[in-house]
Amino acid sequence: MAKGIKGLDWIVKIILVILYDIYGIIARVTSGKTLPAIIGVVQIFTLNLFGILWLIDLISVILKKEISVLA
């Protein structure tokens, strides 16, 4: 699934980040690493860590076209 997520178009990634950071959560949970997966699950239940990760992910996807922080 991670390959499918990373293969999305840039504009689709931005839309998924804007919609409750779906792209960031899925990217973290499917990364195969323990800490990002835990952060992804916690992110679901804490309203996206009060918007901080949402903003970081949005900037990251706009500038680098990928989630590069905590993933």
PDB file of N, CA and C in Angstrom:
ATOM      1  N   MET A   1       0.818  -1.197   0.000  1.00  0.00           N
ATOM      2  CA  MET A   1       0.000   0.000   0.000  1.00  0.00           C
ATOM      3  C   MET A   1       0.856   1.252   0.000  1.00  0.00           C
ATOM      4  N   ALA A   2       2.017   1.190   0.627  1.00  0.00           N
ATOM      5  CA  ALA A   2       2.891   2.357   0.686  1.00  0.00           C
ATOM      6  C   ALA A   2       3.351   2.771  -0.705  1.00  0.00           C
ATOM      7  N   LYS A   3       3.586   1.788  -1.582  1.00  0.00           N
ATOM      8  CA  LYS A   3       3.981   2.130  -2.943  1.00  0.00           C
ATOM      9  C   LYS A   3       2.849   2.850  -3.655  1.00  0.00           C
ATOM     10  N   GLY A   4       1.614   2.442  -3.399  1.00  0.00           N
ATOM     11  CA  GLY A   4       0.469   3.103  -4.001  1.00  0.00           C
ATOM     12  C   GLY A   4       0.301   4.523  -3.501  1.00  0.00           C
ATOM     13  N   ILE A   5       0.573   4.728  -2.232  1.00  0.00           N
ATOM     14  CA  ILE A   5       0.462   6.065  -1.645  1.00  0.00           C
ATOM     15  C   ILE A   5       1.525   6.992  -2.222  1.00  0.00           C
ATOM     16  N   LYS A   6       2.741   6.517  -2.330  1.00  0.00           N
ATOM     17  CA  LYS A   6       3.831   7.357  -2.832  1.00  0.00           C
ATOM     18  C   LYS A   6       3.709   7.616  -4.328  1.00  0.00           C
ATOM     19  N   GLY A   7       2.938   6.782  -5.033  1.00  0.00           N
ATOM     20  CA  GLY A   7       2.783   6.953  -6.466  1.00  0.00           C
ATOM     21  C   GLY A   7       1.674   7.907  -6.872  1.00  0.00           C
ATOM     22  N   LEU A   8       1.006   8.500  -5.908  1.00  0.00           N
ATOM     23  CA  LEU A   8      -0.083   9.433  -6.220  1.00  0.00           C
ATOM     24  C   LEU A   8       0.451  10.722  -6.821  1.00  0.00           C
ATOM     25  N   ASP A   9      -0.396  11.389  -7.579  1.00  0.00           N
ATOM     26  CA  ASP A   9      -0.028  12.694  -8.127  1.00  0.00           C
ATOM     27  C   ASP A   9       0.137  13.707  -7.004  1.00  0.00           C
ATOM     28  N   TRP A  10       0.914  14.742  -7.271  1.00  0.00           N
ATOM     29  CA  TRP A  10       1.230  15.764  -6.278  1.00  0.00           C
ATOM     30  C   TRP A  10      -0.032  16.470  -5.788  1.00  0.00           C
ATOM     31  N   ILE A  11      -0.945  16.799  -6.680  1.00  0.00           N
ATOM     32  CA  ILE A  11      -2.154  17.518  -6.286  1.00  0.00           C
ATOM     33  C   ILE A  11      -3.053  16.634  -5.424  1.00  0.00           C
ATOM     34  N   VAL A  12      -3.087  15.323  -5.698  1.00  0.00           N
ATOM     35  CA  VAL A  12      -3.879  14.400  -4.883  1.00  0.00           C
ATOM     36  C   VAL A  12      -3.285  14.312  -3.476  1.00  0.00           C
ATOM     37  N   LYS A  13      -1.962  14.304  -3.375  1.00  0.00           N
ATOM     38  CA  LYS A  13      -1.304  14.286  -2.065  1.00  0.00           C
ATOM     39  C   LYS A  13      -1.672  15.529  -1.258  1.00  0.00           C
ATOM     40  N   ILE A  14      -1.677  16.680  -1.916  1.00  0.00           N
ATOM     41  CA  ILE A  14      -2.033  17.925  -1.232  1.00  0.00           C
ATOM     42  C   ILE A  14      -3.483  17.863  -0.749  1.00  0.00           C
ATOM     43  N   ILE A  15      -4.377  17.365  -1.580  1.00  0.00           N
ATOM     44  CA  ILE A  15      -5.788  17.251  -1.188  1.00  0.00           C
ATOM     45  C   ILE A  15      -5.935  16.315   0.009  1.00  0.00           C
ATOM     46  N   LEU A  16      -5.219  15.187   0.011  1.00  0.00           N
ATOM     47  CA  LEU A  16      -5.296  14.244   1.120  1.00  0.00           C
ATOM     48  C   LEU A  16      -4.693  14.810   2.399  1.00  0.00           C
ATOM     49  N   VAL A  17      -3.718  15.697   2.272  1.00  0.00           N
ATOM     50  CA  VAL A  17      -3.170  16.356   3.471  1.00  0.00           C
ATOM     51  C   VAL A  17      -4.171  17.374   4.002  1.00  0.00           C
ATOM     52  N   ILE A  18      -4.803  18.108   3.125  1.00  0.00           N
ATOM     53  CA  ILE A  18      -5.778  19.109   3.553  1.00  0.00           C
ATOM     54  C   ILE A  18      -6.967  18.446   4.250  1.00  0.00           C
ATOM     55  N   LEU A  19      -7.386  17.271   3.778  1.00  0.00           N
ATOM     56  CA  LEU A  19      -8.503  16.544   4.373  1.00  0.00           C
ATOM     57  C   LEU A  19      -8.009  15.721   5.558  1.00  0.00           C
ATOM     58  N   TYR A  20      -7.819  16.339   6.676  1.00  0.00           N
ATOM     59  CA  TYR A  20      -7.437  15.706   7.933  1.00  0.00           C
ATOM     60  C   TYR A  20      -6.116  14.955   7.838  1.00  0.00           C
ATOM     61  N   ASP A  21      -5.246  15.311   6.935  1.00  0.00           N
ATOM     62  CA  ASP A  21      -3.910  14.728   6.811  1.00  0.00           C
ATOM     63  C   ASP A  21      -3.968  13.215   6.602  1.00  0.00           C
ATOM     64  N   ILE A  22      -4.901  12.780   5.777  1.00  0.00           N
ATOM     65  CA  ILE A  22      -5.036  11.355   5.487  1.00  0.00           C
ATOM     66  C   ILE A  22      -3.745  10.807   4.894  1.00  0.00           C
ATOM     67  N   TYR A  23      -3.124  11.560   4.014  1.00  0.00           N
ATOM     68  CA  TYR A  23      -1.878  11.110   3.383  1.00  0.00           C
ATOM     69  C   TYR A  23      -0.768  10.917   4.414  1.00  0.00           C
ATOM     70  N   GLY A  24      -0.623  11.847   5.332  1.00  0.00           N
ATOM     71  CA  GLY A  24       0.423  11.741   6.357  1.00  0.00           C
ATOM     72  C   GLY A  24       0.208  10.570   7.295  1.00  0.00           C
ATOM     73  N   ILE A  25      -1.034  10.347   7.684  1.00  0.00           N
ATOM     74  CA  ILE A  25      -1.338   9.239   8.587  1.00  0.00           C
ATOM     75  C   ILE A  25      -1.048   7.913   7.905  1.00  0.00           C
ATOM     76  N   ILE A  26      -1.507   7.738   6.677  1.00  0.00           N
ATOM     77  CA  ILE A  26      -1.277   6.483   5.960  1.00  0.00           C
ATOM     78  C   ILE A  26       0.213   6.290   5.675  1.00  0.00           C
ATOM     79  N   ALA A  27       0.901   7.351   5.308  1.00  0.00           N
ATOM     80  CA  ALA A  27       2.336   7.239   5.033  1.00  0.00           C
ATOM     81  C   ALA A  27       3.100   6.811   6.279  1.00  0.00           C
ATOM     82  N   ARG A  28       2.719   7.343   7.445  1.00  0.00           N
ATOM     83  CA  ARG A  28       3.411   6.977   8.682  1.00  0.00           C
ATOM     84  C   ARG A  28       3.093   5.546   9.104  1.00  0.00           C
ATOM     85  N   VAL A  29       1.812   5.163   9.036  1.00  0.00           N
ATOM     86  CA  VAL A  29       1.413   3.828   9.480  1.00  0.00           C
ATOM     87  C   VAL A  29       2.015   2.753   8.581  1.00  0.00           C
ATOM     88  N   THR A  30       2.129   2.996   7.287  1.00  0.00           N
ATOM     89  CA  THR A  30       2.654   1.999   6.361  1.00  0.00           C
ATOM     90  C   THR A  30       4.150   2.113   6.124  1.00  0.00           C
ATOM     91  N   SER A  31       4.844   2.945   6.885  1.00  0.00           N
ATOM     92  CA  SER A  31       6.278   3.159   6.655  1.00  0.00           C
ATOM     93  C   SER A  31       7.135   1.958   7.039  1.00  0.00           C
ATOM     94  N   GLY A  32       6.633   1.103   7.909  1.00  0.00           N
ATOM     95  CA  GLY A  32       7.398  -0.055   8.339  1.00  0.00           C
ATOM     96  C   GLY A  32       8.301   0.230   9.524  1.00  0.00           C
ATOM     97  N   LYS A  33       8.340   1.463   9.969  1.00  0.00           N
ATOM     98  CA  LYS A  33       9.139   1.846  11.131  1.00  0.00           C
ATOM     99  C   LYS A  33       8.208   1.985  12.329  1.00  0.00           C
ATOM    100  N   THR A  34       8.722   1.717  13.503  1.00  0.00           N
ATOM    101  CA  THR A  34       7.887   1.697  14.701  1.00  0.00           C
ATOM    102  C   THR A  34       7.441   3.092  15.119  1.00  0.00           C
ATOM    103  N   LEU A  35       8.353   4.029  15.287  1.00  0.00           N
ATOM    104  CA  LEU A  35       8.000   5.364  15.784  1.00  0.00           C
ATOM    105  C   LEU A  35       7.022   6.099  14.862  1.00  0.00           C
ATOM    106  N   PRO A  36       7.266   6.159  13.542  1.00  0.00           N
ATOM    107  CA  PRO A  36       6.273   6.820  12.694  1.00  0.00           C
ATOM    108  C   PRO A  36       4.910   6.144  12.725  1.00  0.00           C
ATOM    109  N   ALA A  37       4.886   4.815  12.845  1.00  0.00           N
ATOM    110  CA  ALA A  37       3.601   4.112  12.913  1.00  0.00           C
ATOM    111  C   ALA A  37       2.851   4.490  14.180  1.00  0.00           C
ATOM    112  N   ILE A  38       3.556   4.584  15.303  1.00  0.00           N
ATOM    113  CA  ILE A  38       2.927   4.995  16.562  1.00  0.00           C
ATOM    114  C   ILE A  38       2.415   6.428  16.447  1.00  0.00           C
ATOM    115  N   ILE A  39       3.214   7.303  15.854  1.00  0.00           N
ATOM    116  CA  ILE A  39       2.797   8.700  15.678  1.00  0.00           C
ATOM    117  C   ILE A  39       1.564   8.765  14.778  1.00  0.00           C
ATOM    118  N   GLY A  40       1.509   7.946  13.734  1.00  0.00           N
ATOM    119  CA  GLY A  40       0.348   7.911  12.849  1.00  0.00           C
ATOM    120  C   GLY A  40      -0.917   7.494  13.564  1.00  0.00           C
ATOM    121  N   VAL A  41      -0.818   6.477  14.426  1.00  0.00           N
ATOM    122  CA  VAL A  41      -1.990   6.022  15.181  1.00  0.00           C
ATOM    123  C   VAL A  41      -2.409   7.073  16.203  1.00  0.00           C
ATOM    124  N   VAL A  42      -1.454   7.656  16.901  1.00  0.00           N
ATOM    125  CA  VAL A  42      -1.760   8.704  17.883  1.00  0.00           C
ATOM    126  C   VAL A  42      -2.373   9.914  17.186  1.00  0.00           C
ATOM    127  N   GLN A  43      -1.894  10.188  15.994  1.00  0.00           N
ATOM    128  CA  GLN A  43      -2.394  11.324  15.218  1.00  0.00           C
ATOM    129  C   GLN A  43      -3.884  11.168  14.921  1.00  0.00           C
ATOM    130  N   ILE A  44      -4.342   9.960  14.723  1.00  0.00           N
ATOM    131  CA  ILE A  44      -5.759   9.706  14.451  1.00  0.00           C
ATOM    132  C   ILE A  44      -6.609  10.108  15.653  1.00  0.00           C
ATOM    133  N   PHE A  45      -6.145   9.774  16.857  1.00  0.00           N
ATOM    134  CA  PHE A  45      -6.953   9.970  18.058  1.00  0.00           C
ATOM    135  C   PHE A  45      -6.766  11.329  18.734  1.00  0.00           C
ATOM    136  N   THR A  46      -5.766  12.104  18.347  1.00  0.00           N
ATOM    137  CA  THR A  46      -5.528  13.395  19.005  1.00  0.00           C
ATOM    138  C   THR A  46      -5.842  14.578  18.099  1.00  0.00           C
ATOM    139  N   LEU A  47      -6.728  14.349  17.150  1.00  0.00           N
ATOM    140  CA  LEU A  47      -7.096  15.416  16.216  1.00  0.00           C
ATOM    141  C   LEU A  47      -5.865  16.001  15.532  1.00  0.00           C
ATOM    142  N   ASN A  48      -5.013  15.089  15.065  1.00  0.00           N
ATOM    143  CA  ASN A  48      -3.835  15.472  14.291  1.00  0.00           C
ATOM    144  C   ASN A  48      -2.856  16.298  15.102  1.00  0.00           C
ATOM    145  N   LEU A  49      -2.685  15.949  16.355  1.00  0.00           N
ATOM    146  CA  LEU A  49      -1.778  16.646  17.271  1.00  0.00           C
ATOM    147  C   LEU A  49      -2.010  18.153  17.243  1.00  0.00           C
ATOM    148  N   PHE A  50      -3.294  18.498  17.281  1.00  0.00           N
ATOM    149  CA  PHE A  50      -3.730  19.893  17.381  1.00  0.00           C
ATOM    150  C   PHE A  50      -3.292  20.743  16.189  1.00  0.00           C
ATOM    151  N   GLY A  51      -3.146  20.132  15.035  1.00  0.00           N
ATOM    152  CA  GLY A  51      -2.854  20.859  13.807  1.00  0.00           C
ATOM    153  C   GLY A  51      -1.395  21.061  13.495  1.00  0.00           C
ATOM    154  N   ILE A  52      -0.517  20.722  14.406  1.00  0.00           N
ATOM    155  CA  ILE A  52       0.910  20.954  14.182  1.00  0.00           C
ATOM    156  C   ILE A  52       1.432  20.054  13.064  1.00  0.00           C
ATOM    157  N   LEU A  53       1.159  18.753  13.153  1.00  0.00           N
ATOM    158  CA  LEU A  53       1.622  17.837  12.112  1.00  0.00           C
ATOM    159  C   LEU A  53       0.938  18.111  10.786  1.00  0.00           C
ATOM    160  N   TRP A  54      -0.307  18.547  10.829  1.00  0.00           N
ATOM    161  CA  TRP A  54      -1.011  18.885   9.598  1.00  0.00           C
ATOM    162  C   TRP A  54      -0.278  19.992   8.855  1.00  0.00           C
ATOM    163  N   LEU A  55       0.108  21.030   9.554  1.00  0.00           N
ATOM    164  CA  LEU A  55       0.810  22.148   8.935  1.00  0.00           C
ATOM    165  C   LEU A  55       2.183  21.719   8.425  1.00  0.00           C
ATOM    166  N   ILE A  56       2.903  20.934   9.216  1.00  0.00           N
ATOM    167  CA  ILE A  56       4.220  20.441   8.800  1.00  0.00           C
ATOM    168  C   ILE A  56       4.094  19.567   7.557  1.00  0.00           C
ATOM    169  N   ASP A  57       3.107  18.674   7.540  1.00  0.00           N
ATOM    170  CA  ASP A  57       2.910  17.799   6.387  1.00  0.00           C
ATOM    171  C   ASP A  57       2.503  18.586   5.152  1.00  0.00           C
ATOM    172  N   LEU A  58       1.652  19.575   5.315  1.00  0.00           N
ATOM    173  CA  LEU A  58       1.222  20.389   4.182  1.00  0.00           C
ATOM    174  C   LEU A  58       2.408  21.123   3.562  1.00  0.00           C
ATOM    175  N   ILE A  59       3.219  21.742   4.378  1.00  0.00           N
ATOM    176  CA  ILE A  59       4.402  22.453   3.874  1.00  0.00           C
ATOM    177  C   ILE A  59       5.368  21.472   3.216  1.00  0.00           C
ATOM    178  N   SER A  60       5.557  20.316   3.839  1.00  0.00           N
ATOM    179  CA  SER A  60       6.465  19.302   3.303  1.00  0.00           C
ATOM    180  C   SER A  60       6.014  18.802   1.934  1.00  0.00           C
ATOM    181  N   VAL A  61       4.723  18.535   1.773  1.00  0.00           N
ATOM    182  CA  VAL A  61       4.219  18.038   0.498  1.00  0.00           C
ATOM    183  C   VAL A  61       4.272  19.124  -0.563  1.00  0.00           C
ATOM    184  N   ILE A  62       3.997  20.354  -0.190  1.00  0.00           N
ATOM    185  CA  ILE A  62       4.046  21.448  -1.166  1.00  0.00           C
ATOM    186  C   ILE A  62       5.474  21.679  -1.644  1.00  0.00           C
ATOM    187  N   LEU A  63       6.449  21.672  -0.729  1.00  0.00           N
ATOM    188  CA  LEU A  63       7.825  21.969  -1.108  1.00  0.00           C
ATOM    189  C   LEU A  63       8.597  20.779  -1.673  1.00  0.00           C
ATOM    190  N   LYS A  64       8.423  19.599  -1.055  1.00  0.00           N
ATOM    191  CA  LYS A  64       9.232  18.438  -1.441  1.00  0.00           C
ATOM    192  C   LYS A  64       8.445  17.343  -2.130  1.00  0.00           C
ATOM    193  N   LYS A  65       7.130  17.501  -2.209  1.00  0.00           N
ATOM    194  CA  LYS A  65       6.216  16.541  -2.839  1.00  0.00           C
ATOM    195  C   LYS A  65       6.188  15.198  -2.126  1.00  0.00           C
ATOM    196  N   GLU A  66       6.642  15.114  -0.901  1.00  0.00           N
ATOM    197  CA  GLU A  66       6.598  13.915  -0.077  1.00  0.00           C
ATOM    198  C   GLU A  66       6.533  14.308   1.397  1.00  0.00           C
ATOM    199  N   ILE A  67       6.067  13.384   2.223  1.00  0.00           N
ATOM    200  CA  ILE A  67       6.115  13.568   3.679  1.00  0.00           C
ATOM    201  C   ILE A  67       7.542  13.281   4.092  1.00  0.00           C
ATOM    202  N   SER A  68       8.237  14.258   4.624  1.00  0.00           N
ATOM    203  CA  SER A  68       9.642  14.044   4.961  1.00  0.00           C
ATOM    204  C   SER A  68       9.916  14.160   6.456  1.00  0.00           C
ATOM    205  N   VAL A  69       8.944  14.603   7.224  1.00  0.00           N
ATOM    206  CA  VAL A  69       9.130  14.769   8.655  1.00  0.00           C
ATOM    207  C   VAL A  69       8.401  13.647   9.385  1.00  0.00           C
ATOM    208  N   LEU A  70       9.108  12.932  10.225  1.00  0.00           N
ATOM    209  CA  LEU A  70       8.550  11.850  11.035  1.00  0.00           C
ATOM    210  C   LEU A  70       7.908  10.744  10.201  1.00  0.00           C
ATOM    211  N   ALA A  71       8.467  10.450   9.066  1.00  0.00           N
ATOM    212  CA  ALA A  71       7.930   9.353   8.243  1.00  0.00           C
ATOM    213  C   ALA A  71       9.030   8.460   7.749  1.00  0.00           C
TER     214      ALA A  71
END
